[in-house]
Amino acid sequence: MLSDLPSLDAIRYFEASARLLSFTKAGEELFVSQSAISQQVISLESYLGFKLFNRGSRQLTLTREGKKLYEASQKALGLISGALNSIQTQTLAGTLTLVAAPSIVSKWLLPRLPRFYLEHPEVELNIAVKIEMANPSVWIPHFRSYNADIAICFENVPSKELSYIYLFDDSLYPVCSPDFQKKNKVRHPSDLSNLPILKDSNQQDFFTCNWNEWLEKSGHQGTEIGQGYSFNHLDLMIQAAINGQGVALARRSLVEDDIKEGRLVKLFEETPSGAFYLAVLKDHEENSRVKVFVKWLKSELNEASDNGEM
């Protein structure tokens, strides 16, 4: 009878130990201590009334009974895992709609999405770009009209309909191409007065790259900057900088990959400038596609943080 079966944890710990022939390696695989594995196996042996392992001085070996149980446990756990994956895949199949500002999609999200597709090919991600996503006071009242499940947004504003998940802090600093820096010998903010400056033309309180704000926060207020070009899309401004057309004041979130790949260089100190959040409709929080995207995104950010990138 099912009520007479040992616990699933005991079977899992035994299966890993039998496959690896090591309590230590089984603990590392299952993220528990070696002693936890050993205790579970001892309890299982006590429950069954016979030994599952021969405990030699150098390595574990399976007893005759242990071999039989190992073969059965592998098949049983494989069936359970296959059934769960099948159920999850059927549940996940469908569309997840995400809304974000164009620049955060093109410069931050898109380079990371192939990893999401590899993990969850059954989820069809529909991405809609809206420049107003940078300003919460504009987009919050119209969130449902976008038919969106989630949004990547700059800052958060209290809302009865939305929950927010903090992603990362952002900052501002000037950048240019390596060739531009070398050619123009850019060494100090005072050099900016004689250089072409690439500017953000968006006139809003959120998500702007405002030179006056950076000069003041970095302690260089009163420094003159040169003339240049203005852009209403930050990704276009960044591309102009990559092309060697001038110095841009950019968000770390948007240029970190370009700096790492050598397309841009960071010129001067950075100043803090807001944070990014994932906004989720409260009545969509239990949606399985929303859950896997949130889990994947947190994993990406944790890995980036461990690598010193965020």
Protein backbone atom coordinates (compact mmCIF):
# COMPACT_ATOMS: atom_id res chain seq x y z
CA MET A 1 0.00 0.00 0.00
CA LEU A 2 1.08 3.59 -0.66
CA SER A 3 0.87 4.40 3.06
CA ASP A 4 3.60 1.84 3.69
CA LEU A 5 6.11 3.55 1.39
CA PRO A 6 9.12 5.49 2.74
CA SER A 7 9.31 9.24 2.17
CA LEU A 8 10.08 10.59 -1.30
CA ASP A 9 13.05 12.54 0.13
CA ALA A 10 14.54 9.29 1.44
CA ILE A 11 14.23 7.71 -2.01
CA ARG A 12 15.72 10.78 -3.72
CA TYR A 13 18.68 10.86 -1.34
CA PHE A 14 19.24 7.12 -1.74
CA GLU A 15 19.02 7.31 -5.57
CA ALA A 16 21.63 10.10 -5.74
CA SER A 17 23.93 8.26 -3.31
CA ALA A 18 23.59 5.01 -5.24
CA ARG A 19 24.20 6.69 -8.60
CA LEU A 20 27.23 8.64 -7.38
CA LEU A 21 28.38 6.06 -4.80
CA SER A 22 29.12 8.95 -2.45
CA PHE A 23 27.11 10.64 0.29
CA THR A 24 29.25 13.76 -0.13
CA LYS A 25 28.62 14.06 -3.87
CA ALA A 26 24.92 13.34 -3.38
CA GLY A 27 24.75 16.18 -0.84
CA GLU A 28 26.45 18.57 -3.27
CA GLU A 29 24.01 17.63 -6.04
CA LEU A 30 20.95 18.05 -3.80
CA PHE A 31 22.30 21.12 -1.92
CA VAL A 32 22.21 19.47 1.50
CA SER A 33 24.95 18.33 3.86
CA GLN A 34 26.68 14.98 3.69
CA SER A 35 25.33 14.15 7.16
CA ALA A 36 21.75 14.84 6.02
CA ILE A 37 22.17 12.34 3.18
CA SER A 38 23.75 9.76 5.47
CA GLN A 39 21.00 10.10 8.10
CA GLN A 40 18.24 9.70 5.49
CA VAL A 41 19.88 6.56 4.11
CA ILE A 42 20.36 5.09 7.58
CA SER A 43 16.70 5.81 8.38
CA LEU A 44 15.66 4.18 5.10
CA GLU A 45 17.74 1.08 5.88
CA SER A 46 16.21 0.93 9.35
CA TYR A 47 12.72 1.26 7.87
CA LEU A 48 13.35 -1.49 5.33
CA GLY A 49 15.18 -3.79 7.69
CA PHE A 50 18.24 -4.41 5.51
CA LYS A 51 21.43 -2.68 4.38
CA LEU A 52 21.51 -0.83 1.04
CA PHE A 53 25.24 -0.04 1.00
CA ASN A 54 28.47 -1.74 1.92
CA ARG A 55 30.40 1.01 3.67
CA GLY A 56 34.04 0.35 2.85
CA SER A 57 36.99 2.48 3.90
CA ARG A 58 37.36 4.01 0.44
CA GLN A 59 34.06 3.88 -1.40
CA LEU A 60 30.44 2.88 -1.05
CA THR A 61 29.15 -0.17 -2.90
CA LEU A 62 25.57 -1.33 -3.27
CA THR A 63 24.31 -4.50 -1.66
CA ARG A 64 22.15 -6.88 -3.70
CA GLU A 65 19.03 -5.27 -2.20
CA GLY A 66 20.48 -1.83 -2.80
CA LYS A 67 20.97 -2.58 -6.50
CA LYS A 68 17.34 -3.68 -6.88
CA LEU A 69 16.04 -0.59 -5.08
CA TYR A 70 18.33 1.69 -7.10
CA GLU A 71 16.99 0.34 -10.41
CA ALA A 72 13.40 0.73 -9.22
CA SER A 73 13.93 4.20 -7.73
CA GLN A 74 15.55 5.48 -10.94
CA LYS A 75 12.57 4.34 -13.00
CA ALA A 76 10.05 5.72 -10.50
CA LEU A 77 11.71 9.11 -10.14
CA GLY A 78 12.11 9.31 -13.92
CA LEU A 79 8.39 8.71 -14.39
CA ILE A 80 7.51 11.36 -11.79
CA SER A 81 9.91 13.88 -13.33
CA GLY A 82 8.59 13.21 -16.84
CA ALA A 83 4.98 13.61 -15.74
CA LEU A 84 5.72 16.87 -13.93
CA ASN A 85 7.60 18.27 -16.93
CA SER A 86 4.73 17.31 -19.23
CA ILE A 87 2.17 18.96 -16.98
CA GLN A 88 4.29 22.10 -16.59
CA THR A 89 4.90 22.36 -20.34
CA GLN A 90 1.18 22.10 -21.07
CA THR A 91 0.46 24.73 -18.42
CA LEU A 92 3.18 27.07 -19.71
CA ALA A 93 2.27 26.86 -23.38
CA GLY A 94 0.88 30.21 -24.50
CA THR A 95 1.69 33.90 -24.78
CA LEU A 96 3.26 36.18 -22.19
CA THR A 97 3.01 39.89 -23.03
CA LEU A 98 5.67 42.25 -21.72
CA VAL A 99 5.72 46.02 -22.16
CA ALA A 100 8.82 48.20 -21.74
CA ALA A 101 10.53 51.30 -23.08
CA PRO A 102 12.35 50.72 -26.41
CA SER A 103 15.86 51.30 -25.08
CA ILE A 104 15.64 48.87 -22.14
CA VAL A 105 14.31 46.21 -24.51
CA SER A 106 16.96 46.65 -27.21
CA LYS A 107 19.98 47.28 -24.98
CA TRP A 108 19.26 45.21 -21.86
CA LEU A 109 16.53 42.60 -22.37
CA LEU A 110 17.10 41.32 -25.91
CA PRO A 111 20.72 40.20 -25.36
CA ARG A 112 19.51 38.02 -22.47
CA LEU A 113 16.36 36.55 -24.02
CA PRO A 114 18.01 33.62 -25.89
CA ARG A 115 18.64 32.02 -22.49
CA PHE A 116 14.96 32.33 -21.59
CA TYR A 117 13.92 30.74 -24.90
CA LEU A 118 16.30 27.85 -24.29
CA GLU A 119 14.75 27.18 -20.88
CA HIS A 120 11.12 27.78 -21.87
CA PRO A 121 10.58 27.29 -25.62
CA GLU A 122 6.88 26.69 -24.98
CA VAL A 123 6.36 30.30 -23.82
CA GLU A 124 5.69 32.75 -26.65
CA LEU A 125 6.95 36.10 -25.44
CA ASN A 126 5.16 39.06 -27.00
CA ILE A 127 7.13 42.29 -26.47
CA ALA A 128 5.49 45.67 -26.96
CA VAL A 129 7.64 48.81 -26.75
CA LYS A 130 6.12 52.03 -25.47
CA ILE A 131 8.26 55.08 -24.87
CA GLU A 132 5.85 56.25 -22.16
CA MET A 133 6.80 53.17 -20.06
CA ALA A 134 9.59 55.32 -18.67
CA ASN A 135 7.03 57.48 -16.85
CA PRO A 136 4.79 55.58 -14.37
CA SER A 137 2.28 58.43 -14.02
CA VAL A 138 1.54 58.06 -17.75
CA TRP A 139 1.34 54.30 -18.21
CA ILE A 140 -0.18 53.01 -14.98
CA PRO A 141 -3.73 54.17 -15.80
CA HIS A 142 -3.50 52.45 -19.20
CA PHE A 143 -1.68 49.25 -18.23
CA ARG A 144 -4.60 46.98 -19.05
CA SER A 145 -5.14 48.66 -22.42
CA TYR A 146 -1.73 47.27 -23.46
CA ASN A 147 -3.08 43.74 -22.82
CA ALA A 148 0.13 43.17 -20.89
CA ASP A 149 0.93 40.68 -18.14
CA ILE A 150 4.12 42.36 -16.97
CA ALA A 151 6.21 45.46 -17.61
CA ILE A 152 9.80 46.52 -17.03
CA CYS A 153 9.56 50.04 -15.68
CA PHE A 154 11.70 52.79 -14.24
CA GLU A 155 10.66 53.62 -10.68
CA ASN A 156 7.41 52.48 -9.11
CA VAL A 157 4.26 54.34 -8.19
CA PRO A 158 1.69 52.88 -5.76
CA SER A 159 -1.13 51.15 -7.60
CA LYS A 160 -4.07 49.02 -6.48
CA GLU A 161 -3.71 46.88 -9.59
CA LEU A 162 0.05 46.30 -9.72
CA SER A 163 2.73 44.57 -7.69
CA TYR A 164 6.37 45.57 -8.11
CA ILE A 165 9.48 43.39 -8.02
CA TYR A 166 12.74 45.29 -7.56
CA LEU A 167 15.30 44.50 -10.27
CA PHE A 168 18.37 46.76 -9.89
CA ASP A 169 19.61 50.28 -9.21
CA ASP A 170 20.75 52.40 -12.14
CA SER A 171 23.33 55.16 -12.61
CA LEU A 172 24.59 57.68 -15.16
CA TYR A 173 28.04 58.29 -16.62
CA PRO A 174 29.54 59.71 -19.85
CA VAL A 175 30.70 57.28 -22.53
CA CYS A 176 32.28 57.39 -25.97
CA SER A 177 33.94 55.02 -28.40
CA PRO A 178 37.57 54.00 -27.69
CA ASP A 179 38.72 55.64 -30.94
CA PHE A 180 36.90 58.89 -30.08
CA GLN A 181 38.54 58.99 -26.65
CA LYS A 182 41.99 58.39 -28.10
CA LYS A 183 41.58 60.89 -30.93
CA ASN A 184 40.20 63.68 -28.72
CA LYS A 185 42.28 62.94 -25.60
CA VAL A 186 39.23 63.04 -23.29
CA ARG A 187 40.59 63.06 -19.73
CA HIS A 188 38.52 65.52 -17.65
CA PRO A 189 34.94 66.85 -17.67
CA SER A 190 36.31 70.25 -18.63
CA ASP A 191 37.23 68.69 -22.01
CA LEU A 192 33.51 68.33 -22.78
CA SER A 193 33.21 72.01 -23.71
CA ASN A 194 35.07 71.44 -26.98
CA LEU A 195 33.51 68.11 -27.96
CA PRO A 196 30.29 67.08 -29.74
CA ILE A 197 27.79 66.08 -27.07
CA LEU A 198 25.02 63.53 -27.63
CA LYS A 199 21.92 64.44 -25.66
CA ASP A 200 18.62 62.91 -24.56
CA SER A 201 15.82 65.17 -25.83
CA ASN A 202 13.06 63.60 -23.70
CA GLN A 203 11.62 66.21 -21.39
CA GLN A 204 10.36 64.13 -18.48
CA ASP A 205 11.21 63.49 -14.86
CA PHE A 206 11.83 59.77 -15.28
CA PHE A 207 14.50 57.81 -17.14
CA THR A 208 16.20 60.83 -18.70
CA CYS A 209 19.93 61.23 -19.19
CA ASN A 210 20.23 64.83 -18.08
CA TRP A 211 23.69 66.38 -18.34
CA ASN A 212 22.94 69.11 -15.80
CA GLU A 213 21.86 66.47 -13.28
CA TRP A 214 25.07 64.49 -13.77
CA LEU A 215 27.32 67.58 -13.62
CA GLU A 216 25.71 68.66 -10.35
CA LYS A 217 25.76 65.25 -8.67
CA SER A 218 29.34 64.54 -9.77
CA GLY A 219 30.59 67.86 -8.41
CA HIS A 220 31.24 69.51 -11.78
CA GLN A 221 28.40 72.02 -11.80
CA GLY A 222 29.19 75.05 -13.92
CA THR A 223 31.20 72.98 -16.40
CA GLU A 224 30.31 73.89 -19.97
CA ILE A 225 29.48 71.18 -22.48
CA GLY A 226 29.65 71.45 -26.25
CA GLN A 227 26.93 71.31 -28.88
CA GLY A 228 25.96 68.16 -30.73
CA TYR A 229 22.94 66.01 -31.50
CA SER A 230 19.74 65.24 -29.59
CA PHE A 231 17.81 61.96 -29.65
CA ASN A 232 14.40 60.97 -28.31
CA HIS A 233 15.45 57.29 -28.15
CA LEU A 234 18.36 56.42 -25.87
CA ASP A 235 19.38 53.38 -27.92
CA LEU A 236 19.91 55.68 -30.95
CA MET A 237 22.00 58.05 -28.84
CA ILE A 238 24.13 55.13 -27.65
CA GLN A 239 24.59 53.87 -31.20
CA ALA A 240 25.80 57.33 -32.23
CA ALA A 241 28.38 57.16 -29.44
CA ILE A 242 29.48 53.70 -30.60
CA ASN A 243 29.87 55.16 -34.10
CA GLY A 244 32.29 57.76 -32.73
CA GLN A 245 30.00 60.77 -33.17
CA GLY A 246 30.48 62.24 -29.72
CA VAL A 247 30.17 61.82 -25.95
CA ALA A 248 26.87 60.52 -24.57
CA LEU A 249 25.58 60.54 -21.02
CA ALA A 250 24.27 57.02 -20.70
CA ARG A 251 22.59 54.72 -18.23
CA ARG A 252 24.72 51.89 -16.91
CA SER A 253 21.87 49.45 -17.59
CA LEU A 254 21.97 50.32 -21.28
CA VAL A 255 25.72 50.42 -21.97
CA GLU A 256 27.22 47.82 -19.63
CA ASP A 257 27.34 45.18 -22.37
CA ASP A 258 28.85 47.66 -24.85
CA ILE A 259 31.59 48.57 -22.38
CA LYS A 260 32.31 44.91 -21.62
CA GLU A 261 32.58 44.17 -25.35
CA GLY A 262 34.86 47.17 -25.97
CA ARG A 263 32.44 49.19 -28.10
CA LEU A 264 32.32 51.99 -25.53
CA VAL A 265 34.52 53.28 -22.71
CA LYS A 266 33.37 54.83 -19.44
CA LEU A 267 34.89 58.31 -19.14
CA PHE A 268 34.14 59.68 -15.68
CA GLU A 269 32.48 58.82 -12.37
CA GLU A 270 28.93 57.53 -12.22
CA THR A 271 26.07 59.03 -10.24
CA PRO A 272 23.02 57.14 -8.89
CA SER A 273 19.84 57.55 -10.91
CA GLY A 274 16.77 55.57 -9.90
CA ALA A 275 15.95 51.87 -10.13
CA PHE A 276 14.18 49.39 -12.36
CA TYR A 277 11.21 47.25 -11.38
CA LEU A 278 9.10 44.51 -12.87
CA ALA A 279 5.44 45.47 -12.65
CA VAL A 280 2.93 42.61 -12.53
CA LEU A 281 -0.84 42.81 -12.62
CA LYS A 282 -1.97 41.47 -9.24
CA ASP A 283 -4.53 39.18 -10.81
CA HIS A 284 -1.79 37.72 -13.08
CA GLU A 285 0.71 36.93 -10.30
CA GLU A 286 -0.26 33.24 -10.20
CA ASN A 287 -0.04 32.87 -13.98
CA SER A 288 2.50 30.09 -14.63
CA ARG A 289 4.16 32.00 -17.49
CA VAL A 290 4.56 35.08 -15.29
CA LYS A 291 6.08 32.91 -12.55
CA VAL A 292 8.70 31.28 -14.80
CA PHE A 293 9.66 34.64 -16.33
CA VAL A 294 10.07 36.21 -12.87
CA LYS A 295 12.12 33.22 -11.71
CA TRP A 296 14.32 33.37 -14.82
CA LEU A 297 14.83 37.13 -14.54
CA LYS A 298 15.84 36.88 -10.88
CA SER A 299 18.30 34.12 -11.79
CA GLU A 300 19.82 36.33 -14.52
CA LEU A 301 20.21 39.23 -12.11
CA ASN A 302 21.71 37.03 -9.38
CA GLU A 303 24.27 35.68 -11.84
CA ALA A 304 25.08 39.20 -13.05
CA SER A 305 25.48 40.37 -9.46
CA ASP A 306 27.80 37.46 -8.65
CA ASN A 307 29.90 38.48 -11.67
CA GLY A 308 29.98 42.11 -10.51
CA GLU A 309 27.93 43.31 -13.47
CA MET A 310 24.88 44.82 -11.76
